[in-house]
């Protein structure tokens, strides 16, 4: 199923819990792009459903730690 036309689909609500600082930071970045968090997550979920894969590669914990250190 292609999820490009979502106007006639039933909706469900998803809830997630994230660090408050992370949520605020992401909200600011998304606003700079003209998006809100709902638009972003709908786009992310649509991309995963349509392409049947994550739009990024999953890092191991060690790779993630190295990436964080390199970014600082």
N, C-alpha and C. Protein backbone atom coordinates (compact mmCIF):
# COMPACT_ATOMS: atom_id res chain seq x y z
N UNK A 1 0.84 -1.18 0.00
CA UNK A 1 0.00 0.00 0.00
C UNK A 1 0.88 1.24 0.00
N UNK A 2 0.57 2.19 -0.81
CA UNK A 2 1.29 3.46 -0.86
C UNK A 2 0.57 4.44 0.06
N UNK A 3 1.30 5.09 0.92
CA UNK A 3 0.70 5.96 1.92
C UNK A 3 0.73 7.43 1.54
N UNK A 4 0.85 7.73 0.26
CA UNK A 4 0.94 9.12 -0.17
C UNK A 4 -0.38 9.86 0.01
N UNK A 5 -1.52 9.20 -0.23
CA UNK A 5 -2.82 9.84 -0.06
C UNK A 5 -3.41 9.38 1.26
N UNK A 6 -3.24 10.19 2.30
CA UNK A 6 -3.68 9.81 3.63
C UNK A 6 -4.99 10.47 4.02
N UNK A 7 -5.66 11.14 3.10
CA UNK A 7 -6.85 11.91 3.45
C UNK A 7 -8.02 11.04 3.86
N UNK A 8 -8.14 9.83 3.33
CA UNK A 8 -9.32 9.01 3.63
C UNK A 8 -9.02 7.91 4.65
N UNK A 9 -7.82 7.88 5.20
CA UNK A 9 -7.45 6.82 6.14
C UNK A 9 -7.88 7.16 7.56
N UNK A 10 -8.21 6.11 8.33
CA UNK A 10 -8.49 6.31 9.74
C UNK A 10 -7.20 6.69 10.45
N UNK A 11 -7.28 7.51 11.46
CA UNK A 11 -6.11 7.97 12.18
C UNK A 11 -6.00 7.27 13.53
N UNK A 12 -4.79 7.10 14.00
CA UNK A 12 -4.53 6.61 15.34
C UNK A 12 -3.52 7.55 15.98
N UNK A 13 -3.52 7.63 17.28
CA UNK A 13 -2.61 8.52 17.97
C UNK A 13 -1.47 7.71 18.56
N UNK A 14 -0.23 8.19 18.35
CA UNK A 14 0.95 7.58 18.92
C UNK A 14 1.50 8.50 19.99
N UNK A 15 2.00 7.93 21.06
CA UNK A 15 2.62 8.71 22.13
C UNK A 15 4.02 8.18 22.35
N UNK A 16 4.97 9.11 22.48
CA UNK A 16 6.34 8.73 22.79
C UNK A 16 6.83 9.60 23.94
N UNK A 17 7.77 9.09 24.68
CA UNK A 17 8.40 9.85 25.76
C UNK A 17 9.87 10.05 25.40
N UNK A 18 10.30 11.29 25.41
CA UNK A 18 11.70 11.62 25.13
C UNK A 18 12.18 12.66 26.12
N UNK A 19 13.47 12.80 26.21
CA UNK A 19 14.08 13.82 27.04
C UNK A 19 13.53 15.20 26.66
N UNK A 20 13.16 16.00 27.65
CA UNK A 20 12.54 17.30 27.39
C UNK A 20 13.45 18.22 26.58
N UNK A 21 14.74 18.24 26.89
CA UNK A 21 15.67 19.08 26.15
C UNK A 21 15.78 18.65 24.69
N UNK A 22 15.80 17.33 24.46
CA UNK A 22 15.84 16.82 23.09
C UNK A 22 14.60 17.24 22.33
N UNK A 23 13.43 17.11 22.95
CA UNK A 23 12.18 17.48 22.29
C UNK A 23 12.17 18.95 21.91
N UNK A 24 12.63 19.82 22.82
CA UNK A 24 12.67 21.26 22.53
C UNK A 24 13.65 21.57 21.40
N UNK A 25 14.81 20.93 21.43
CA UNK A 25 15.83 21.15 20.40
C UNK A 25 15.30 20.73 19.03
N UNK A 26 14.69 19.55 18.97
CA UNK A 26 14.15 19.05 17.71
C UNK A 26 13.02 19.95 17.23
N UNK A 27 12.15 20.39 18.14
CA UNK A 27 11.05 21.26 17.75
C UNK A 27 11.58 22.55 17.12
N UNK A 28 12.62 23.13 17.71
CA UNK A 28 13.22 24.34 17.15
C UNK A 28 13.76 24.10 15.75
N UNK A 29 14.45 22.99 15.56
CA UNK A 29 15.05 22.67 14.25
C UNK A 29 13.95 22.44 13.21
N UNK A 30 12.91 21.71 13.60
CA UNK A 30 11.82 21.43 12.67
C UNK A 30 11.09 22.72 12.29
N UNK A 31 10.89 23.62 13.25
CA UNK A 31 10.24 24.90 12.95
C UNK A 31 11.04 25.70 11.93
N UNK A 32 12.37 25.60 12.01
CA UNK A 32 13.23 26.29 11.04
C UNK A 32 13.02 25.73 9.64
N UNK A 33 12.58 24.48 9.56
CA UNK A 33 12.32 23.82 8.28
C UNK A 33 10.85 23.93 7.87
N UNK A 34 10.06 24.62 8.69
CA UNK A 34 8.64 24.78 8.38
C UNK A 34 7.80 23.56 8.70
N UNK A 35 8.28 22.73 9.62
CA UNK A 35 7.56 21.50 9.99
C UNK A 35 7.24 21.52 11.48
N UNK A 36 6.24 20.73 11.87
CA UNK A 36 6.05 20.46 13.28
C UNK A 36 6.38 18.99 13.53
N UNK A 37 6.37 18.59 14.79
CA UNK A 37 6.76 17.22 15.11
C UNK A 37 5.82 16.19 14.48
N UNK A 38 4.54 16.51 14.41
CA UNK A 38 3.58 15.59 13.80
C UNK A 38 3.90 15.39 12.32
N UNK A 39 4.15 16.49 11.59
CA UNK A 39 4.52 16.38 10.17
C UNK A 39 5.75 15.51 9.99
N UNK A 40 6.75 15.73 10.85
CA UNK A 40 7.99 14.96 10.76
C UNK A 40 7.75 13.47 10.95
N UNK A 41 7.03 13.12 12.02
CA UNK A 41 6.82 11.70 12.29
C UNK A 41 5.93 11.03 11.25
N UNK A 42 4.94 11.74 10.74
CA UNK A 42 4.12 11.18 9.66
C UNK A 42 5.01 10.93 8.43
N UNK A 43 5.88 11.88 8.11
CA UNK A 43 6.81 11.69 6.99
C UNK A 43 7.74 10.52 7.21
N UNK A 44 8.28 10.41 8.44
CA UNK A 44 9.19 9.30 8.77
C UNK A 44 8.49 7.96 8.64
N UNK A 45 7.31 7.85 9.23
CA UNK A 45 6.56 6.59 9.17
C UNK A 45 6.15 6.24 7.75
N UNK A 46 5.76 7.25 6.98
CA UNK A 46 5.39 7.03 5.58
C UNK A 46 6.58 6.52 4.78
N UNK A 47 7.74 7.12 5.01
CA UNK A 47 8.96 6.70 4.32
C UNK A 47 9.29 5.25 4.64
N UNK A 48 9.20 4.88 5.92
CA UNK A 48 9.50 3.49 6.31
C UNK A 48 8.49 2.53 5.69
N UNK A 49 7.21 2.89 5.73
CA UNK A 49 6.17 2.01 5.16
C UNK A 49 6.35 1.83 3.66
N UNK A 50 6.63 2.92 2.96
CA UNK A 50 6.75 2.85 1.50
C UNK A 50 8.03 2.14 1.05
N UNK A 51 9.12 2.36 1.78
CA UNK A 51 10.41 1.80 1.35
C UNK A 51 10.80 0.52 2.08
N UNK A 52 10.04 0.17 3.11
CA UNK A 52 10.27 -1.06 3.88
C UNK A 52 11.67 -1.13 4.48
N UNK A 53 12.20 0.04 4.87
CA UNK A 53 13.49 0.09 5.55
C UNK A 53 13.62 1.44 6.25
N UNK A 54 14.56 1.51 7.17
CA UNK A 54 14.82 2.77 7.86
C UNK A 54 15.52 3.74 6.92
N UNK A 55 15.24 5.04 7.04
CA UNK A 55 15.90 6.02 6.17
C UNK A 55 17.28 6.42 6.68
N UNK A 56 17.85 5.62 7.55
CA UNK A 56 19.18 5.85 8.10
C UNK A 56 19.73 4.50 8.52
N UNK A 57 21.03 4.42 8.69
CA UNK A 57 21.60 3.14 9.13
C UNK A 57 21.67 3.14 10.65
N UNK A 58 21.40 2.01 11.24
CA UNK A 58 21.40 1.86 12.68
C UNK A 58 22.85 1.69 13.15
N UNK A 59 23.24 2.51 14.11
CA UNK A 59 24.59 2.43 14.64
C UNK A 59 24.64 1.50 15.84
N UNK A 60 25.77 0.85 16.02
CA UNK A 60 25.99 0.11 17.26
C UNK A 60 26.23 1.13 18.37
N UNK A 61 26.15 0.71 19.61
CA UNK A 61 26.41 1.62 20.73
C UNK A 61 27.79 2.24 20.63
N UNK A 62 28.78 1.44 20.27
CA UNK A 62 30.15 1.94 20.13
C UNK A 62 30.25 2.98 19.02
N UNK A 63 29.60 2.71 17.88
CA UNK A 63 29.61 3.68 16.78
C UNK A 63 28.91 4.98 17.17
N UNK A 64 27.82 4.84 17.92
CA UNK A 64 27.09 6.02 18.35
C UNK A 64 27.94 6.87 19.30
N UNK A 65 28.63 6.22 20.25
CA UNK A 65 29.50 6.94 21.17
C UNK A 65 30.61 7.67 20.43
N UNK A 66 31.21 7.01 19.45
CA UNK A 66 32.26 7.65 18.65
C UNK A 66 31.72 8.86 17.88
N UNK A 67 30.51 8.73 17.34
CA UNK A 67 29.91 9.82 16.59
C UNK A 67 29.61 11.00 17.50
N UNK A 68 29.15 10.73 18.70
CA UNK A 68 28.86 11.79 19.67
C UNK A 68 30.15 12.51 20.06
N UNK A 69 31.20 11.75 20.33
CA UNK A 69 32.48 12.35 20.69
C UNK A 69 33.05 13.19 19.53
N UNK A 70 32.91 12.69 18.34
CA UNK A 70 33.43 13.40 17.18
C UNK A 70 32.65 14.71 16.92
N UNK A 71 31.37 14.73 17.28
CA UNK A 71 30.54 15.91 17.06
C UNK A 71 30.83 17.01 18.07
N UNK A 72 31.41 16.64 19.19
CA UNK A 72 31.68 17.65 20.25
C UNK A 72 33.01 18.27 20.10
